[in-house]
């Protein structure tokens, strides 16, 4: 079964993923880290700039980067938390809400709509039933593919606790008690990634009230390959999960 006419978006973590995602007409927007963006980046109107999750020691630097990107022609940025909002507003960016805002009901969704957000991504802890019952004044989406973070930290467990501030990926992993590999995604922050890949490719019809679907690319080398699988209702290679969309928070 093919998933036609879906409003898809991509979230990328690397330069090659960004280049690939921008070539795919199916993606209406691409979420990309600030460090991947430059004056020669194409399709600026299609990009939503993503700042660091933690701003405790880099708020002024992040504001300078956002203002520079605005001057280059980038118009949009993602707010991870409410603390990002004044920073993005000061830089003159259009606001888009990320999954870490933990929007779980219509009241919180409309709050962000009322303060000027263009759209929002709902919390990944919502069930399909609760998503269907939710309404919002602006478009809302969900993460529909990818490895979700189990934990976010400032220090890399692969580098013996030293900060990953060089923008490189360790390429390493930890193992849990069952021997599952927990991959690390490193930049200025470190994400420990779920070993199972979230996918709703074969259950997308359960979410017909959702306005857009985010495909989150972390370790993937071929964006188009995963996009085609998703469009055709196929599962990705490896262990998969439907996340909390059907079982809720235990």
Foldseek 3Di string as FASTA:
>chain_A
DFAPPAAEAEEEQDLLVLVQRVVDPSHQAYEYELVNDDLPDPPLVRYAYEYDLDCPPPLVVRLVSLLVVVVSPRAHYEDLEPVCVVSCVVSNHAYEYEQNNQAQAQVVQAVVVVVGHQEYEHHLQAALVSLVVHDHPHAYEYAAKFWDFPDKAQADVVVVGHGQAPQDAPQAFDADPVRQTFGWQHHSMITGTDSAMAHCLQPCVSNVVHRHYYHYDGPDPNPVVVVVCSRGSHDDPDHHDNGNRHPGDD
